[in-house]
Protein backbone atom coordinates (compact mmCIF):
# COMPACT_ATOMS: atom_id res chain seq x y z
CA MET A 1 45.08 69.19 104.54
CA ARG A 2 43.69 65.64 104.37
CA ALA A 3 41.61 66.59 101.34
CA ILE A 4 44.69 68.00 99.59
CA LEU A 5 46.76 64.89 100.35
CA PHE A 6 43.94 62.69 99.10
CA SER A 7 43.77 64.70 95.87
CA PHE A 8 47.49 64.14 95.28
CA PHE A 9 47.09 60.43 96.04
CA TYR A 10 44.13 60.17 93.68
CA ALA A 11 46.05 61.87 90.88
CA PHE A 12 49.10 59.64 91.42
CA THR A 13 47.07 56.42 91.44
CA TRP A 14 45.15 57.51 88.35
CA LEU A 15 48.45 58.09 86.55
CA ILE A 16 49.74 54.64 87.52
CA ALA A 17 46.69 53.04 85.89
CA GLN A 18 47.38 54.86 82.60
CA ILE A 19 51.00 53.87 81.99
CA PRO A 20 52.25 50.51 80.61
CA LEU A 21 52.74 47.76 83.19
CA ARG A 22 56.43 47.54 82.23
CA ALA A 23 56.84 51.10 83.46
CA VAL A 24 54.92 50.28 86.65
CA ALA A 25 57.34 47.39 87.23
CA ARG A 26 60.31 49.74 87.02
CA ILE A 27 58.72 52.04 89.62
CA SER A 28 58.14 48.97 91.79
CA ASP A 29 61.83 48.03 91.49
CA PHE A 30 62.79 51.48 92.79
CA THR A 31 60.23 51.20 95.60
CA TYR A 32 61.76 47.87 96.67
CA LEU A 33 65.14 49.56 97.07
CA VAL A 34 63.58 52.27 99.20
CA ILE A 35 61.39 50.19 101.52
CA TYR A 36 63.88 47.35 101.97
CA HIS A 37 67.37 48.79 101.75
CA LEU A 38 66.81 52.45 102.68
CA VAL A 39 63.83 52.54 105.05
CA GLY A 40 63.82 48.92 106.22
CA TYR A 41 60.01 48.92 106.55
CA ARG A 42 59.07 46.54 109.40
CA LYS A 43 62.20 44.51 108.74
CA ASN A 44 62.41 43.32 112.35
CA VAL A 45 58.79 42.16 112.23
CA VAL A 46 59.38 40.24 109.02
CA ARG A 47 62.57 38.60 110.29
CA ASN A 48 61.02 37.60 113.59
CA ASN A 49 57.95 36.15 111.85
CA LEU A 50 60.10 34.14 109.44
CA LYS A 51 62.40 32.89 112.21
CA ASN A 52 59.51 31.66 114.34
CA SER A 53 57.62 30.19 111.38
CA PHE A 54 60.59 28.39 109.84
CA PRO A 55 62.99 27.50 112.67
CA GLU A 56 64.31 24.59 110.59
CA LYS A 57 65.61 26.89 107.86
CA THR A 58 69.05 28.48 107.89
CA ASP A 59 69.59 32.22 108.23
CA GLU A 60 70.55 32.32 104.55
CA GLU A 61 67.33 30.57 103.51
CA ARG A 62 65.19 32.94 105.56
CA LYS A 63 67.10 35.94 104.20
CA ALA A 64 66.34 34.78 100.66
CA ILE A 65 62.62 34.55 101.50
CA GLU A 66 62.80 38.00 103.10
CA LYS A 67 64.21 39.64 99.97
CA LYS A 68 61.70 37.90 97.72
CA PHE A 69 58.91 39.03 100.03
CA TYR A 70 59.92 42.69 99.85
CA ARG A 71 60.10 42.51 96.06
CA HIS A 72 56.62 41.02 96.04
CA LEU A 73 55.40 43.62 98.54
CA SER A 74 56.55 46.38 96.21
CA ASP A 75 54.70 44.78 93.30
CA LEU A 76 51.65 44.25 95.51
CA ILE A 77 51.49 47.94 96.37
CA PHE A 78 51.38 48.95 92.72
CA GLU A 79 49.05 46.14 91.68
CA SER A 80 46.58 47.34 94.30
CA VAL A 81 47.03 50.97 93.21
CA PHE A 82 46.65 49.96 89.55
CA LEU A 83 43.27 48.33 90.30
CA LEU A 84 41.85 51.57 91.69
CA HIS A 85 41.51 53.13 88.22
CA ALA A 86 42.43 50.46 85.66
CA SER A 87 40.06 49.74 82.81
CA ARG A 88 38.05 46.53 83.07
CA LYS A 89 40.05 44.93 80.26
CA ARG A 90 43.44 45.70 81.79
CA ALA A 91 42.34 44.65 85.28
CA LEU A 92 40.84 41.33 84.17
CA ASN A 93 44.08 40.54 82.38
CA LEU A 94 45.93 40.39 85.70
CA CYS A 95 44.28 37.23 86.98
CA LYS A 96 42.87 34.02 85.51
CA PHE A 97 40.22 32.14 87.48
CA ASN A 98 40.12 28.41 86.85
CA ASN A 99 37.33 25.85 87.35
CA LEU A 100 34.55 28.43 87.52
CA GLU A 101 32.16 25.62 86.63
CA LEU A 102 32.06 24.84 90.35
CA PHE A 103 30.09 28.06 90.93
CA GLU A 104 27.90 27.40 87.89
CA ARG A 105 26.88 24.13 89.54
CA PHE A 106 26.25 25.82 92.88
CA TYR A 107 24.08 28.42 91.14
CA LYS A 108 22.00 25.78 89.37
CA GLU A 109 21.57 23.95 92.68
CA GLY A 110 20.53 27.14 94.48
CA LYS A 111 23.57 27.23 96.75
CA SER A 112 25.49 30.15 98.15
CA ALA A 113 29.09 29.51 99.19
CA ILE A 114 31.99 30.87 101.23
CA LEU A 115 35.31 31.63 99.55
CA VAL A 116 38.17 31.56 102.03
CA SER A 117 41.65 32.95 101.41
CA GLY A 118 44.52 34.64 103.21
CA HIS A 119 46.69 37.70 102.72
CA TYR A 120 48.52 35.81 100.04
CA GLY A 121 49.49 36.73 96.51
CA SER A 122 47.60 39.79 95.30
CA TRP A 123 44.37 39.30 97.22
CA GLU A 124 42.66 42.47 95.97
CA LEU A 125 42.34 40.64 92.64
CA TYR A 126 39.61 38.49 94.18
CA ALA A 127 37.31 41.47 93.62
CA LEU A 128 37.37 40.52 89.93
CA ILE A 129 35.44 37.29 90.56
CA GLY A 130 32.19 39.24 90.44
CA HIS A 131 32.72 39.69 86.70
CA TYR A 132 32.59 35.94 86.07
CA VAL A 133 29.84 34.52 88.29
CA ASN A 134 26.06 34.76 88.57
CA HIS A 135 26.23 34.95 92.36
CA HIS A 136 26.55 38.26 94.15
CA ALA A 137 30.25 38.43 95.06
CA ILE A 138 30.47 39.83 98.60
CA GLY A 139 33.83 40.88 100.03
CA ILE A 140 34.07 41.42 103.77
CA TYR A 141 36.44 44.19 104.86
CA LYS A 142 37.59 45.98 107.98
CA PRO A 143 36.65 49.68 107.85
CA ILE A 144 39.52 52.18 107.96
CA ASN A 145 39.63 55.60 109.62
CA ASN A 146 40.10 57.59 106.42
CA LYS A 147 36.69 57.40 104.78
CA ARG A 148 37.90 59.00 101.54
CA PHE A 149 40.35 56.15 101.01
CA GLU A 150 37.76 53.58 102.05
CA LYS A 151 35.27 54.94 99.52
CA LEU A 152 37.90 54.94 96.76
CA ILE A 153 38.84 51.31 97.46
CA ASN A 154 35.24 50.14 97.71
CA ASN A 155 34.24 51.93 94.51
CA SER A 156 37.06 50.09 92.75
CA ARG A 157 35.75 46.76 94.00
CA LYS A 158 32.22 47.61 92.89
CA ARG A 159 33.39 48.36 89.34
CA PHE A 160 34.12 44.67 88.78
CA GLY A 161 30.90 43.35 90.26
CA GLY A 162 32.01 43.02 93.87
CA VAL A 163 29.86 44.03 96.83
CA PRO A 164 31.99 45.33 99.73
CA VAL A 165 30.42 44.76 103.15
CA ALA A 166 31.86 45.94 106.47
CA MET A 167 32.72 43.11 108.85
CA LYS A 168 30.13 44.18 111.43
CA ASP A 169 27.38 43.93 108.78
CA THR A 170 28.25 40.42 107.57
CA LEU A 171 25.38 38.56 109.20
CA ARG A 172 22.83 41.18 108.21
CA ALA A 173 23.97 41.08 104.57
CA ILE A 174 23.72 37.28 104.37
CA ILE A 175 20.21 37.33 105.84
CA ASP A 176 19.09 40.11 103.50
CA TYR A 177 20.22 38.23 100.39
CA LYS A 178 18.69 35.01 101.71
CA ARG A 179 15.33 36.72 102.30
CA LYS A 180 15.38 38.01 98.73
CA GLY A 181 16.16 34.53 97.42
CA GLU A 182 19.47 35.69 95.93
CA LEU A 183 22.69 33.66 96.00
CA ILE A 184 26.04 34.92 97.20
CA LEU A 185 29.72 34.07 97.21
CA LEU A 186 30.99 35.35 100.54
CA GLY A 187 34.71 36.17 100.50
CA LEU A 188 36.47 35.89 103.88
CA VAL A 189 40.15 36.40 104.69
CA SER A 190 41.01 33.81 107.33
CA ASP A 191 44.36 35.07 108.65
CA GLN A 192 43.21 38.31 110.28
CA THR A 193 44.00 38.82 113.96
CA PRO A 194 41.00 39.11 116.32
CA ALA A 195 40.92 41.91 118.85
CA GLY A 196 41.77 40.76 122.36
CA GLY A 197 38.16 40.60 123.49
CA ASP A 198 37.08 38.72 120.37
CA ILE A 199 39.48 35.77 120.71
CA ARG A 200 37.54 32.51 120.99
CA TYR A 201 40.06 30.01 119.66
CA TRP A 202 43.81 29.44 119.52
CA THR A 203 45.52 27.05 117.14
CA THR A 204 49.03 26.19 115.98
CA PHE A 205 49.69 28.01 112.72
CA LEU A 206 53.17 28.15 111.19
CA ASN A 207 54.68 26.69 114.37
CA GLN A 208 53.15 29.35 116.63
CA GLN A 209 50.15 29.66 118.90
CA THR A 210 47.78 31.84 116.90
CA PRO A 211 44.38 33.38 117.68
CA VAL A 212 41.93 32.99 114.80
CA PHE A 213 38.44 34.03 113.83
CA LEU A 214 35.79 31.30 113.73
CA GLY A 215 33.64 33.19 111.22
CA VAL A 216 34.12 30.81 108.29
CA GLU A 217 33.02 27.83 110.34
CA LYS A 218 30.16 29.58 112.14
CA LEU A 219 28.65 31.09 109.00
CA ALA A 220 29.10 27.97 106.89
CA GLN A 221 27.31 25.84 109.47
CA LYS A 222 24.60 28.36 110.28
CA PHE A 223 23.61 28.81 106.63
CA ASN A 224 24.78 25.40 105.35
CA MET A 225 27.14 26.93 102.78
CA PRO A 226 29.91 25.01 100.99
CA VAL A 227 33.43 26.24 101.75
CA VAL A 228 35.88 26.82 98.89
CA PHE A 229 39.57 27.61 99.26
CA CYS A 230 41.08 30.16 96.86
CA ASN A 231 44.49 28.85 95.82
CA MET A 232 46.19 31.85 94.23
CA ARG A 233 49.62 31.55 92.69
CA ARG A 234 51.81 33.99 90.83
CA VAL A 235 52.52 32.76 87.31
CA LYS A 236 54.87 35.60 86.52
CA ARG A 237 55.23 39.23 87.43
CA GLY A 238 51.83 40.89 87.19
CA LYS A 239 50.05 37.63 86.33
CA TYR A 240 48.15 35.39 88.73
CA GLU A 241 45.96 32.29 88.55
CA VAL A 242 43.43 31.02 91.05
CA ASP A 243 42.25 27.44 91.45
CA PHE A 244 39.08 27.07 93.50
CA GLU A 245 39.33 24.02 95.75
CA LEU A 246 36.19 22.65 97.36
CA LEU A 247 36.90 21.94 101.02
CA THR A 248 33.41 20.75 101.87
CA GLU A 249 29.79 20.89 100.72
CA GLU A 250 28.61 19.58 104.08
CA PRO A 251 29.88 21.97 106.76
CA ASN A 252 27.62 20.54 109.43
CA ILE A 253 29.34 17.14 109.48
CA PHE A 254 32.30 18.78 111.24
CA LYS A 255 32.69 18.98 115.00
CA ALA A 256 33.54 22.23 116.74
CA ASN A 257 36.69 23.87 115.32
CA GLU A 258 37.37 21.07 112.78
CA LEU A 259 36.33 23.16 109.79
CA THR A 260 38.44 26.04 111.06
CA GLU A 261 41.45 23.74 111.29
CA LEU A 262 40.76 22.43 107.79
CA HIS A 263 40.87 25.77 105.99
CA LEU A 264 43.77 27.08 108.09
CA LYS A 265 45.87 24.00 107.34
CA ARG A 266 45.20 24.53 103.64
CA LEU A 267 46.36 28.14 103.91
CA GLU A 268 49.42 27.03 105.85
CA LYS A 269 50.29 24.55 103.11
CA GLN A 270 49.99 27.32 100.50
CA ILE A 271 52.34 29.55 102.49
CA ILE A 272 54.94 26.83 103.04
CA GLU A 273 55.03 26.01 99.32
CA ALA A 274 55.89 29.62 98.33
CA PRO A 275 56.31 31.71 101.50
CA GLU A 276 57.44 34.93 99.80
CA TYR A 277 53.87 35.74 98.71
CA TRP A 278 52.35 35.92 102.22
CA LEU A 279 52.12 39.20 104.15
CA TRP A 280 55.02 38.72 106.57
CA SER A 281 55.05 42.40 107.58
CA HIS A 282 51.74 41.94 109.40
CA ARG A 283 52.05 41.71 113.19
CA ARG A 284 50.16 38.42 113.14
CA TRP A 285 51.49 37.14 116.46
CA LYS A 286 51.31 40.27 118.58
CA ARG A 287 48.93 38.51 120.98
CA LYS A 288 50.04 35.56 123.11
CA PRO A 289 47.83 33.01 124.86
CA LYS A 290 47.50 33.30 128.61
CA PRO A 291 48.88 30.29 130.49
CA ASN A 292 46.55 27.57 131.74
CA LEU A 293 43.72 28.61 129.41
CA GLN A 294 41.90 26.09 127.29
CA GLN A 295 42.37 26.35 123.56
CA THR A 296 38.71 27.18 123.07
CA LYS A 297 37.18 30.09 124.95
CA PRO A 298 33.51 29.64 125.98
CA GLU A 299 31.12 31.87 124.08
C-alpha cells in the first residue's frame, strides 16, 4: 500500500513541476482555503505561538499574521513539491543569491564556512546554492521514517549540487572533507527543537524560554569556520532573494553560548520584520524548562 501511495505522490509532484507557475499558484489558493478555513490545520498551535511571541500585538494584528502565514504555507508546500522534479532552469529562477563573492573569497583563502538559517521563507531553495559555489554545499537534515520520500527529497537536493547529510553523520562528514583537503559550506537550520535528552541550553527567543541546539557554535569553534547568516526574503509570489551576512570570521573569540545568541538574535530579527514567513505551525515550544535549573546544562 505504501508503494502505491508513493507512486501516486510521485506522479502528482511530477505533474506540478510540468505546469506553469501561474497554475500552481491557483492550486495553492485552493489549498489555502482547505487547510485554513476547512481543516484548520494546527490553527490552535499557530495562534498560541503568535500570542506568546507577540503579546504586545492586538488580536486583529495577530489574526492578520495568521492568515498571511497560511497563505505562505500553501505556497511553500507547492514550492517544495515543484523543486522535486523541476528543471534546473526553472528551479534556479525561483531564488536569487546575492553577494556570492563572499564565498569566492573564502574559497581563495582555503576556508570552509557554516551557513545558518531558520525555517523561514522557502528554505528548501537553499539547496540551489550548490550550483553557484566552488565549495561542496552540505545540507544537514533529520531523517524521516518513510525512506522512499527521504530518497526522493535528497535526490532533488543532489540535482542542484547539494550534498545531503544526516544529522548524526555531521561530524564525520566534516572530518572526511577536511582530510581530503576539500572545502565545504555547511548548512544548518538553527530553530529545530532538541530532543529532551539533548537539551544543553535554554535562551529567550521570541519572548519565550526556548531550548536550542549548540551545533553552530560548537562546530564553528572546533573547525574555526566563519559563520554566515542566510537572510532570505520573499520579493513576490514564487520569487525569493538571499543576502549572505557574515556574522563572524573568528568564532573562537566568543565565550560560551555567545555565538549561539548572536545567530539566534539575527533570526529573531528576521522573523519580527516579516513574521508571516516563519513556520508557526511547528510545535517549537512543546518543551518547558524545569524550575531551578541553570540556563546551561553541563555536558
